[in-house]
């Protein structure tokens, strides 16, 4: 057994959507490589690049689009994306009542509690465009952060709500909402989220050990029974029913969220560029090689 090393892992969001990353800890894969982890979620006001540059964080859950803004501002020597987490958008739409015949055009004229995070909103707009929806006719509501959005819907605000799992599955379990659509189903596969690190960390033996653990975890997240994954990850989601976790995990597996190899596919990177260009968030196509590198050998 190699000498145990501690690495710092940070998530920009915490959701079962990121089960491949959570699984490196919950599934015991890091321990098998002699690693321990400090895990935290990015707080308001914290900046991932600064934390990575000064070594406060080794591995950050992020998205390829996080590099494009700094690149457009002329920044250089940015941390690099070295492995994919999700190849689909992981948000769902929930309605007040079951609607097995839901069509996206039903959002026109309706009120939607939309997650106004930068990438989630861009992806939602692109999915609506893909489905032929007139975006200007949706009555968007910004109810705040994910907890405030959930509370607002539970208190009767909005016809629909836009959330990552397991929040909409919990609404279903509580008899408050009903999942009617998946944003990931409504648009092409895309480089939605990935792992980010500095060049220095990627050259380290810790990075290689982490990647061995992550490779096993991502395969496990894709293939293991949802009940098994939910049981291992339950401690990361206090207050969420075990069956709800399993339902969300199963839905992500069915969607193909965690399929494929660890390398960030170039075509999915290009699709993410399409989304950001359509939404006016960037002005040019930033080369893949400036943002992504192969996983450490």
C-alpha atoms as a PDB file:
ATOM      1  CA  UNK A   1       0.000   0.000   0.000  1.00  0.00           C
ATOM      2  CA  UNK A   2       1.510   3.376  -0.981  1.00  0.00           C
ATOM      3  CA  UNK A   3       1.961   6.138   1.571  1.00  0.00           C
ATOM      4  CA  UNK A   4      -1.382   7.821   2.162  1.00  0.00           C
ATOM      5  CA  UNK A   5      -1.686  11.301   0.630  1.00  0.00           C
ATOM      6  CA  UNK A   6      -4.412  13.861   1.154  1.00  0.00           C
ATOM      7  CA  UNK A   7      -5.779  15.841  -1.779  1.00  0.00           C
ATOM      8  CA  UNK A   8      -8.272  18.702  -1.787  1.00  0.00           C
ATOM      9  CA  UNK A   9     -11.332  18.268  -3.999  1.00  0.00           C
ATOM     10  CA  UNK A  10     -13.840  21.064  -4.529  1.00  0.00           C
ATOM     11  CA  UNK A  11     -17.185  21.035  -6.342  1.00  0.00           C
ATOM     12  CA  UNK A  12     -18.730  24.122  -7.874  1.00  0.00           C
ATOM     13  CA  UNK A  13     -22.090  22.415  -7.192  1.00  0.00           C
ATOM     14  CA  UNK A  14     -23.136  19.432  -5.110  1.00  0.00           C
ATOM     15  CA  UNK A  15     -25.529  16.986  -6.768  1.00  0.00           C
ATOM     16  CA  UNK A  16     -25.834  13.285  -7.604  1.00  0.00           C
ATOM     17  CA  UNK A  17     -25.220  14.519 -11.148  1.00  0.00           C
ATOM     18  CA  UNK A  18     -21.560  14.515 -10.072  1.00  0.00           C
ATOM     19  CA  UNK A  19     -21.618  10.942  -8.796  1.00  0.00           C
ATOM     20  CA  UNK A  20     -18.404   9.983 -10.632  1.00  0.00           C
ATOM     21  CA  UNK A  21     -16.531  12.536  -8.516  1.00  0.00           C
ATOM     22  CA  UNK A  22     -18.417  11.865  -5.281  1.00  0.00           C
ATOM     23  CA  UNK A  23     -17.885   8.161  -5.895  1.00  0.00           C
ATOM     24  CA  UNK A  24     -14.090   8.403  -5.652  1.00  0.00           C
ATOM     25  CA  UNK A  25     -14.704   9.050  -1.952  1.00  0.00           C
ATOM     26  CA  UNK A  26     -18.007   7.286  -1.285  1.00  0.00           C
ATOM     27  CA  UNK A  27     -17.040   4.180  -3.257  1.00  0.00           C
ATOM     28  CA  UNK A  28     -13.675   3.794  -1.542  1.00  0.00           C
ATOM     29  CA  UNK A  29     -11.655   4.151  -4.753  1.00  0.00           C
ATOM     30  CA  UNK A  30      -9.337   6.840  -3.400  1.00  0.00           C
ATOM     31  CA  UNK A  31      -8.530   4.735  -0.363  1.00  0.00           C
ATOM     32  CA  UNK A  32      -7.507   1.892  -2.651  1.00  0.00           C
ATOM     33  CA  UNK A  33      -4.903   4.243  -4.150  1.00  0.00           C
ATOM     34  CA  UNK A  34      -3.640   5.380  -0.757  1.00  0.00           C
ATOM     35  CA  UNK A  35      -5.384   8.740  -0.982  1.00  0.00           C
ATOM     36  CA  UNK A  36      -7.590  10.691   1.382  1.00  0.00           C
ATOM     37  CA  UNK A  37      -9.665  13.676   0.358  1.00  0.00           C
ATOM     38  CA  UNK A  38     -10.842  16.945   1.811  1.00  0.00           C
ATOM     39  CA  UNK A  39     -14.119  17.653  -0.018  1.00  0.00           C
ATOM     40  CA  UNK A  40     -15.863  21.022  -0.064  1.00  0.00           C
ATOM     41  CA  UNK A  41     -18.353  22.966  -2.172  1.00  0.00           C
ATOM     42  CA  UNK A  42     -17.411  26.350  -3.616  1.00  0.00           C
ATOM     43  CA  UNK A  43     -18.962  29.140  -1.551  1.00  0.00           C
ATOM     44  CA  UNK A  44     -20.211  32.502  -2.841  1.00  0.00           C
ATOM     45  CA  UNK A  45     -17.279  34.842  -3.301  1.00  0.00           C
ATOM     46  CA  UNK A  46     -14.682  32.093  -3.654  1.00  0.00           C
ATOM     47  CA  UNK A  47     -12.753  31.963  -6.924  1.00  0.00           C
ATOM     48  CA  UNK A  48     -11.678  28.585  -8.210  1.00  0.00           C
ATOM     49  CA  UNK A  49      -8.622  29.790 -10.144  1.00  0.00           C
ATOM     50  CA  UNK A  50      -7.061  31.496  -7.145  1.00  0.00           C
ATOM     51  CA  UNK A  51      -7.648  28.468  -4.951  1.00  0.00           C
ATOM     52  CA  UNK A  52      -6.106  26.167  -7.553  1.00  0.00           C
ATOM     53  CA  UNK A  53      -3.131  28.464  -8.173  1.00  0.00           C
ATOM     54  CA  UNK A  54      -2.197  28.691  -4.506  1.00  0.00           C
ATOM     55  CA  UNK A  55      -2.676  24.963  -3.907  1.00  0.00           C
ATOM     56  CA  UNK A  56      -5.719  25.245  -1.645  1.00  0.00           C
ATOM     57  CA  UNK A  57      -7.545  22.963  -4.110  1.00  0.00           C
ATOM     58  CA  UNK A  58      -6.043  20.168  -6.206  1.00  0.00           C
ATOM     59  CA  UNK A  59      -9.055  19.059  -8.274  1.00  0.00           C
ATOM     60  CA  UNK A  60     -12.036  21.282  -9.088  1.00  0.00           C
ATOM     61  CA  UNK A  61     -15.368  20.169 -10.542  1.00  0.00           C
ATOM     62  CA  UNK A  62     -15.992  22.763 -13.233  1.00  0.00           C
ATOM     63  CA  UNK A  63     -16.896  23.123 -16.934  1.00  0.00           C
ATOM     64  CA  UNK A  64     -14.888  23.870 -20.061  1.00  0.00           C
ATOM     65  CA  UNK A  65     -16.805  27.132 -20.419  1.00  0.00           C
ATOM     66  CA  UNK A  66     -15.209  28.418 -17.216  1.00  0.00           C
ATOM     67  CA  UNK A  67     -11.997  29.074 -19.191  1.00  0.00           C
ATOM     68  CA  UNK A  68     -13.593  30.996 -22.030  1.00  0.00           C
ATOM     69  CA  UNK A  69     -14.394  34.203 -20.134  1.00  0.00           C
ATOM     70  CA  UNK A  70     -10.821  34.551 -18.837  1.00  0.00           C
ATOM     71  CA  UNK A  71      -9.463  33.757 -22.316  1.00  0.00           C
ATOM     72  CA  UNK A  72     -11.588  36.551 -23.773  1.00  0.00           C
ATOM     73  CA  UNK A  73     -10.085  38.878 -21.155  1.00  0.00           C
ATOM     74  CA  UNK A  74      -6.590  37.953 -22.305  1.00  0.00           C
ATOM     75  CA  UNK A  75      -5.684  35.756 -19.341  1.00  0.00           C
ATOM     76  CA  UNK A  76      -3.104  33.025 -19.855  1.00  0.00           C
ATOM     77  CA  UNK A  77      -1.686  29.977 -18.061  1.00  0.00           C
ATOM     78  CA  UNK A  78      -5.149  28.910 -16.924  1.00  0.00           C
ATOM     79  CA  UNK A  79      -5.820  25.612 -15.122  1.00  0.00           C
ATOM     80  CA  UNK A  80      -6.728  22.839 -17.557  1.00  0.00           C
ATOM     81  CA  UNK A  81      -9.676  20.478 -17.933  1.00  0.00           C
ATOM     82  CA  UNK A  82      -8.353  16.923 -17.933  1.00  0.00           C
ATOM     83  CA  UNK A  83     -11.328  14.553 -17.595  1.00  0.00           C
ATOM     84  CA  UNK A  84     -15.032  14.646 -18.305  1.00  0.00           C
ATOM     85  CA  UNK A  85     -17.671  14.109 -15.635  1.00  0.00           C
ATOM     86  CA  UNK A  86     -20.934  14.547 -17.527  1.00  0.00           C
ATOM     87  CA  UNK A  87     -21.662  14.414 -21.252  1.00  0.00           C
ATOM     88  CA  UNK A  88     -25.280  15.529 -20.886  1.00  0.00           C
ATOM     89  CA  UNK A  89     -27.022  18.469 -19.266  1.00  0.00           C
ATOM     90  CA  UNK A  90     -28.229  17.221 -15.875  1.00  0.00           C
ATOM     91  CA  UNK A  91     -31.226  19.479 -15.235  1.00  0.00           C
ATOM     92  CA  UNK A  92     -34.881  18.462 -15.205  1.00  0.00           C
ATOM     93  CA  UNK A  93     -38.163  20.325 -15.546  1.00  0.00           C
ATOM     94  CA  UNK A  94     -40.826  19.569 -12.947  1.00  0.00           C
ATOM     95  CA  UNK A  95     -44.459  20.641 -13.161  1.00  0.00           C
ATOM     96  CA  UNK A  96     -47.248  20.888 -10.617  1.00  0.00           C
ATOM     97  CA  UNK A  97     -49.106  17.904 -12.055  1.00  0.00           C
ATOM     98  CA  UNK A  98     -48.174  14.779 -14.032  1.00  0.00           C
ATOM     99  CA  UNK A  99     -48.002  15.451 -17.759  1.00  0.00           C
ATOM    100  CA  UNK A 100     -47.014  12.352 -19.766  1.00  0.00           C
ATOM    101  CA  UNK A 101     -47.693  14.299 -22.982  1.00  0.00           C
ATOM    102  CA  UNK A 102     -45.494  17.271 -22.051  1.00  0.00           C
ATOM    103  CA  UNK A 103     -44.147  19.291 -24.960  1.00  0.00           C
ATOM    104  CA  UNK A 104     -41.586  22.040 -24.471  1.00  0.00           C
ATOM    105  CA  UNK A 105     -43.885  24.568 -26.156  1.00  0.00           C
ATOM    106  CA  UNK A 106     -46.060  24.363 -23.033  1.00  0.00           C
ATOM    107  CA  UNK A 107     -43.453  26.611 -21.396  1.00  0.00           C
ATOM    108  CA  UNK A 108     -44.629  29.484 -23.594  1.00  0.00           C
ATOM    109  CA  UNK A 109     -46.896  31.662 -21.469  1.00  0.00           C
ATOM    110  CA  UNK A 110     -46.029  29.712 -18.304  1.00  0.00           C
ATOM    111  CA  UNK A 111     -43.937  30.764 -15.304  1.00  0.00           C
ATOM    112  CA  UNK A 112     -40.645  28.910 -14.883  1.00  0.00           C
ATOM    113  CA  UNK A 113     -38.401  29.006 -11.828  1.00  0.00           C
ATOM    114  CA  UNK A 114     -35.136  28.742 -13.773  1.00  0.00           C
ATOM    115  CA  UNK A 115     -31.690  28.181 -12.323  1.00  0.00           C
ATOM    116  CA  UNK A 116     -29.941  31.421 -13.267  1.00  0.00           C
ATOM    117  CA  UNK A 117     -26.418  30.026 -12.953  1.00  0.00           C
ATOM    118  CA  UNK A 118     -24.411  31.044 -16.018  1.00  0.00           C
ATOM    119  CA  UNK A 119     -24.093  27.678 -17.767  1.00  0.00           C
ATOM    120  CA  UNK A 120     -27.414  26.143 -16.618  1.00  0.00           C
ATOM    121  CA  UNK A 121     -29.377  29.075 -18.028  1.00  0.00           C
ATOM    122  CA  UNK A 122     -27.433  29.050 -21.306  1.00  0.00           C
ATOM    123  CA  UNK A 123     -28.076  25.324 -21.706  1.00  0.00           C
ATOM    124  CA  UNK A 124     -31.776  25.723 -20.879  1.00  0.00           C
ATOM    125  CA  UNK A 125     -32.132  28.462 -23.482  1.00  0.00           C
ATOM    126  CA  UNK A 126     -30.352  26.329 -26.092  1.00  0.00           C
ATOM    127  CA  UNK A 127     -32.552  23.303 -25.297  1.00  0.00           C
ATOM    128  CA  UNK A 128     -35.663  25.477 -25.664  1.00  0.00           C
ATOM    129  CA  UNK A 129     -34.335  26.700 -29.018  1.00  0.00           C
ATOM    130  CA  UNK A 130     -33.682  23.088 -30.096  1.00  0.00           C
ATOM    131  CA  UNK A 131     -37.285  22.256 -29.211  1.00  0.00           C
ATOM    132  CA  UNK A 132     -38.704  25.193 -31.175  1.00  0.00           C
ATOM    133  CA  UNK A 133     -39.730  27.248 -28.142  1.00  0.00           C
ATOM    134  CA  UNK A 134     -40.049  31.045 -28.282  1.00  0.00           C
ATOM    135  CA  UNK A 135     -37.763  31.927 -25.349  1.00  0.00           C
ATOM    136  CA  UNK A 136     -39.238  35.426 -25.074  1.00  0.00           C
ATOM    137  CA  UNK A 137     -42.633  33.946 -24.225  1.00  0.00           C
ATOM    138  CA  UNK A 138     -41.437  32.061 -21.139  1.00  0.00           C
ATOM    139  CA  UNK A 139     -41.995  33.994 -17.918  1.00  0.00           C
ATOM    140  CA  UNK A 140     -38.670  33.333 -16.208  1.00  0.00           C
ATOM    141  CA  UNK A 141     -38.378  33.755 -12.449  1.00  0.00           C
ATOM    142  CA  UNK A 142     -35.073  34.177 -10.627  1.00  0.00           C
ATOM    143  CA  UNK A 143     -35.893  32.993  -7.112  1.00  0.00           C
ATOM    144  CA  UNK A 144     -32.273  32.914  -5.916  1.00  0.00           C
ATOM    145  CA  UNK A 145     -30.030  29.959  -5.144  1.00  0.00           C
ATOM    146  CA  UNK A 146     -31.034  26.313  -5.430  1.00  0.00           C
ATOM    147  CA  UNK A 147     -32.443  26.162  -1.900  1.00  0.00           C
ATOM    148  CA  UNK A 148     -34.453  29.363  -2.386  1.00  0.00           C
ATOM    149  CA  UNK A 149     -35.790  28.107  -5.726  1.00  0.00           C
ATOM    150  CA  UNK A 150     -36.924  24.854  -4.143  1.00  0.00           C
ATOM    151  CA  UNK A 151     -38.599  26.676  -1.272  1.00  0.00           C
ATOM    152  CA  UNK A 152     -40.385  29.062  -3.643  1.00  0.00           C
ATOM    153  CA  UNK A 153     -41.821  26.192  -5.701  1.00  0.00           C
ATOM    154  CA  UNK A 154     -42.893  24.359  -2.560  1.00  0.00           C
ATOM    155  CA  UNK A 155     -44.671  27.537  -1.465  1.00  0.00           C
ATOM    156  CA  UNK A 156     -46.658  27.740  -4.690  1.00  0.00           C
ATOM    157  CA  UNK A 157     -44.577  29.957  -6.940  1.00  0.00           C
ATOM    158  CA  UNK A 158     -44.133  28.985 -10.592  1.00  0.00           C
ATOM    159  CA  UNK A 159     -45.785  26.539 -12.967  1.00  0.00           C
ATOM    160  CA  UNK A 160     -42.467  24.752 -13.600  1.00  0.00           C
ATOM    161  CA  UNK A 161     -39.078  24.478 -11.927  1.00  0.00           C
ATOM    162  CA  UNK A 162     -35.628  23.762 -13.412  1.00  0.00           C
ATOM    163  CA  UNK A 163     -33.368  21.695 -11.097  1.00  0.00           C
ATOM    164  CA  UNK A 164     -30.586  19.118 -10.937  1.00  0.00           C
ATOM    165  CA  UNK A 165     -31.250  15.746  -9.347  1.00  0.00           C
ATOM    166  CA  UNK A 166     -32.098  14.779  -6.707  1.00  0.00           C
ATOM    167  CA  UNK A 167     -34.136  17.942  -6.002  1.00  0.00           C
ATOM    168  CA  UNK A 168     -36.951  17.334  -8.559  1.00  0.00           C
ATOM    169  CA  UNK A 169     -37.124  13.645  -7.631  1.00  0.00           C
ATOM    170  CA  UNK A 170     -37.573  14.721  -3.995  1.00  0.00           C
ATOM    171  CA  UNK A 171     -40.415  17.013  -5.080  1.00  0.00           C
ATOM    172  CA  UNK A 172     -42.052  13.982  -6.686  1.00  0.00           C
ATOM    173  CA  UNK A 173     -41.572  11.894  -3.555  1.00  0.00           C
ATOM    174  CA  UNK A 174     -43.115  14.667  -1.476  1.00  0.00           C
ATOM    175  CA  UNK A 175     -46.126  14.939  -3.797  1.00  0.00           C
ATOM    176  CA  UNK A 176     -45.316  18.532  -4.743  1.00  0.00           C
ATOM    177  CA  UNK A 177     -43.969  18.265  -8.284  1.00  0.00           C
ATOM    178  CA  UNK A 178     -43.692  15.882 -11.205  1.00  0.00           C
ATOM    179  CA  UNK A 179     -40.688  15.543 -13.518  1.00  0.00           C
ATOM    180  CA  UNK A 180     -41.928  16.124 -17.058  1.00  0.00           C
ATOM    181  CA  UNK A 181     -38.726  16.650 -19.065  1.00  0.00           C
ATOM    182  CA  UNK A 182     -34.951  16.319 -19.092  1.00  0.00           C
ATOM    183  CA  UNK A 183     -32.898  19.154 -20.537  1.00  0.00           C
ATOM    184  CA  UNK A 184     -30.245  16.587 -21.447  1.00  0.00           C
ATOM    185  CA  UNK A 185     -32.790  14.670 -23.518  1.00  0.00           C
ATOM    186  CA  UNK A 186     -33.876  17.835 -25.302  1.00  0.00           C
ATOM    187  CA  UNK A 187     -30.465  18.807 -26.718  1.00  0.00           C
ATOM    188  CA  UNK A 188     -27.342  17.079 -28.111  1.00  0.00           C
ATOM    189  CA  UNK A 189     -24.648  15.600 -25.867  1.00  0.00           C
ATOM    190  CA  UNK A 190     -22.333  18.324 -24.614  1.00  0.00           C
ATOM    191  CA  UNK A 191     -19.194  18.828 -22.516  1.00  0.00           C
ATOM    192  CA  UNK A 192     -21.242  19.909 -19.520  1.00  0.00           C
ATOM    193  CA  UNK A 193     -18.872  19.367 -16.594  1.00  0.00           C
ATOM    194  CA  UNK A 194     -15.282  18.297 -16.181  1.00  0.00           C
ATOM    195  CA  UNK A 195     -12.351  18.137 -13.802  1.00  0.00           C
ATOM    196  CA  UNK A 196      -9.954  21.067 -13.618  1.00  0.00           C
ATOM    197  CA  UNK A 197      -6.408  21.256 -12.222  1.00  0.00           C
ATOM    198  CA  UNK A 198      -3.159  23.161 -12.576  1.00  0.00           C
ATOM    199  CA  UNK A 199      -0.367  22.010 -14.845  1.00  0.00           C
ATOM    200  CA  UNK A 200       1.814  21.405 -11.788  1.00  0.00           C
ATOM    201  CA  UNK A 201      -0.703  19.082 -10.147  1.00  0.00           C
ATOM    202  CA  UNK A 202      -1.276  17.158 -13.371  1.00  0.00           C
ATOM    203  CA  UNK A 203       2.435  16.262 -13.437  1.00  0.00           C
ATOM    204  CA  UNK A 204       2.344  14.781  -9.924  1.00  0.00           C
ATOM    205  CA  UNK A 205       2.089  11.168  -8.813  1.00  0.00           C
ATOM    206  CA  UNK A 206      -0.978  12.190  -6.786  1.00  0.00           C
ATOM    207  CA  UNK A 207      -2.722  13.182 -10.026  1.00  0.00           C
ATOM    208  CA  UNK A 208      -1.990   9.793 -11.557  1.00  0.00           C
ATOM    209  CA  UNK A 209      -3.282   7.995  -8.457  1.00  0.00           C
ATOM    210  CA  UNK A 210      -6.364  10.209  -8.382  1.00  0.00           C
ATOM    211  CA  UNK A 211      -7.083   9.436 -12.025  1.00  0.00           C
ATOM    212  CA  UNK A 212      -6.836   5.690 -11.449  1.00  0.00           C
ATOM    213  CA  UNK A 213      -9.429   6.054  -8.694  1.00  0.00           C
ATOM    214  CA  UNK A 214     -11.600   8.330 -10.802  1.00  0.00           C
ATOM    215  CA  UNK A 215     -11.561   5.944 -13.757  1.00  0.00           C
ATOM    216  CA  UNK A 216     -12.951   3.191 -11.521  1.00  0.00           C
ATOM    217  CA  UNK A 217     -15.492   5.523  -9.944  1.00  0.00           C
ATOM    218  CA  UNK A 218     -16.871   6.793 -13.239  1.00  0.00           C
ATOM    219  CA  UNK A 219     -17.301   3.250 -14.520  1.00  0.00           C
ATOM    220  CA  UNK A 220     -18.994   2.312 -11.242  1.00  0.00           C
ATOM    221  CA  UNK A 221     -21.350   5.314 -11.456  1.00  0.00           C
ATOM    222  CA  UNK A 222     -22.345   4.292 -14.969  1.00  0.00           C
ATOM    223  CA  UNK A 223     -22.755   0.554 -14.381  1.00  0.00           C
ATOM    224  CA  UNK A 224     -23.563  -0.216 -10.723  1.00  0.00           C
ATOM    225  CA  UNK A 225     -27.163  -0.651  -9.527  1.00  0.00           C
ATOM    226  CA  UNK A 226     -28.599   2.744  -8.520  1.00  0.00           C
ATOM    227  CA  UNK A 227     -29.544   1.394  -5.084  1.00  0.00           C
ATOM    228  CA  UNK A 228     -25.907   0.449  -4.452  1.00  0.00           C
ATOM    229  CA  UNK A 229     -24.625   3.867  -5.468  1.00  0.00           C
ATOM    230  CA  UNK A 230     -27.310   5.615  -3.412  1.00  0.00           C
ATOM    231  CA  UNK A 231     -26.382   3.572  -0.338  1.00  0.00           C
ATOM    232  CA  UNK A 232     -22.709   4.545  -0.660  1.00  0.00           C
ATOM    233  CA  UNK A 233     -23.449   8.223  -1.329  1.00  0.00           C
ATOM    234  CA  UNK A 234     -26.228   8.680   1.240  1.00  0.00           C
ATOM    235  CA  UNK A 235     -23.968  10.381   3.785  1.00  0.00           C
ATOM    236  CA  UNK A 236     -23.194  13.082   1.214  1.00  0.00           C
ATOM    237  CA  UNK A 237     -26.925  13.916   0.924  1.00  0.00           C
ATOM    238  CA  UNK A 238     -28.407  14.173   4.424  1.00  0.00           C
ATOM    239  CA  UNK A 239     -32.145  14.743   4.391  1.00  0.00           C
ATOM    240  CA  UNK A 240     -32.649  13.137   0.970  1.00  0.00           C
ATOM    241  CA  UNK A 241     -34.551   9.851   0.846  1.00  0.00           C
ATOM    242  CA  UNK A 242     -32.417   6.901  -0.261  1.00  0.00           C
ATOM    243  CA  UNK A 243     -35.033   5.912  -2.851  1.00  0.00           C
ATOM    244  CA  UNK A 244     -34.972   9.464  -4.229  1.00  0.00           C
ATOM    245  CA  UNK A 245     -31.199   9.321  -4.661  1.00  0.00           C
ATOM    246  CA  UNK A 246     -31.509   6.004  -6.463  1.00  0.00           C
ATOM    247  CA  UNK A 247     -34.239   7.381  -8.736  1.00  0.00           C
ATOM    248  CA  UNK A 248     -32.070  10.343  -9.751  1.00  0.00           C
ATOM    249  CA  UNK A 249     -28.987   8.164 -10.281  1.00  0.00           C
ATOM    250  CA  UNK A 250     -30.978   5.697 -12.389  1.00  0.00           C
ATOM    251  CA  UNK A 251     -32.293   8.533 -14.532  1.00  0.00           C
ATOM    252  CA  UNK A 252     -28.780   9.825 -15.150  1.00  0.00           C
ATOM    253  CA  UNK A 253     -27.584   6.349 -16.061  1.00  0.00           C
ATOM    254  CA  UNK A 254     -30.444   5.904 -18.515  1.00  0.00           C
ATOM    255  CA  UNK A 255     -29.629   9.275 -20.051  1.00  0.00           C
ATOM    256  CA  UNK A 256     -26.056   8.120 -20.715  1.00  0.00           C
ATOM    257  CA  UNK A 257     -24.634  10.915 -18.601  1.00  0.00           C
ATOM    258  CA  UNK A 258     -21.525   8.966 -17.544  1.00  0.00           C
ATOM    259  CA  UNK A 259     -20.806   6.995 -20.730  1.00  0.00           C
ATOM    260  CA  UNK A 260     -17.527   7.122 -22.588  1.00  0.00           C
ATOM    261  CA  UNK A 261     -13.862   7.438 -21.764  1.00  0.00           C
ATOM    262  CA  UNK A 262     -12.320   9.964 -19.386  1.00  0.00           C
ATOM    263  CA  UNK A 263     -10.915  12.258 -22.074  1.00  0.00           C
ATOM    264  CA  UNK A 264     -13.104  15.248 -22.917  1.00  0.00           C
ATOM    265  CA  UNK A 265     -14.391  14.528 -26.458  1.00  0.00           C
ATOM    266  CA  UNK A 266     -13.563  17.228 -28.971  1.00  0.00           C
ATOM    267  CA  UNK A 267     -17.033  17.077 -30.557  1.00  0.00           C
ATOM    268  CA  UNK A 268     -18.710  17.643 -27.176  1.00  0.00           C
ATOM    269  CA  UNK A 269     -16.366  20.567 -26.534  1.00  0.00           C
ATOM    270  CA  UNK A 270     -17.438  22.035 -29.872  1.00  0.00           C
ATOM    271  CA  UNK A 271     -21.098  21.550 -28.934  1.00  0.00           C
ATOM    272  CA  UNK A 272     -20.517  23.498 -25.712  1.00  0.00           C
ATOM    273  CA  UNK A 273     -19.039  26.292 -27.827  1.00  0.00           C
ATOM    274  CA  UNK A 274     -22.225  26.268 -29.920  1.00  0.00           C
ATOM    275  CA  UNK A 275     -24.346  26.716 -26.786  1.00  0.00           C
ATOM    276  CA  UNK A 276     -22.284  29.627 -25.476  1.00  0.00           C
ATOM    277  CA  UNK A 277     -22.100  31.317 -28.870  1.00  0.00           C
ATOM    278  CA  UNK A 278     -25.863  30.983 -29.332  1.00  0.00           C
ATOM    279  CA  UNK A 279     -26.432  32.575 -25.930  1.00  0.00           C
ATOM    280  CA  UNK A 280     -24.018  35.427 -26.647  1.00  0.00           C
ATOM    281  CA  UNK A 281     -21.763  34.449 -23.741  1.00  0.00           C
ATOM    282  CA  UNK A 282     -18.588  34.347 -25.857  1.00  0.00           C
ATOM    283  CA  UNK A 283     -17.462  35.996 -29.075  1.00  0.00           C
ATOM    284  CA  UNK A 284     -15.233  33.341 -30.662  1.00  0.00           C
ATOM    285  CA  UNK A 285     -14.464  29.631 -30.836  1.00  0.00           C
ATOM    286  CA  UNK A 286     -11.657  29.011 -28.373  1.00  0.00           C
ATOM    287  CA  UNK A 287      -9.334  26.179 -29.447  1.00  0.00           C
ATOM    288  CA  UNK A 288      -9.701  22.863 -27.653  1.00  0.00           C
ATOM    289  CA  UNK A 289      -5.952  22.731 -26.963  1.00  0.00           C
ATOM    290  CA  UNK A 290      -6.095  25.970 -24.942  1.00  0.00           C
ATOM    291  CA  UNK A 291      -8.634  24.480 -22.537  1.00  0.00           C
ATOM    292  CA  UNK A 292      -8.332  20.672 -22.462  1.00  0.00           C
ATOM    293  CA  UNK A 293      -5.534  18.135 -22.042  1.00  0.00           C
ATOM    294  CA  UNK A 294      -5.586  14.342 -22.056  1.00  0.00           C
ATOM    295  CA  UNK A 295      -5.959  12.661 -18.660  1.00  0.00           C
ATOM    296  CA  UNK A 296      -2.562  12.121 -16.957  1.00  0.00           C
ATOM    297  CA  UNK A 297      -1.025   8.802 -17.986  1.00  0.00           C
END
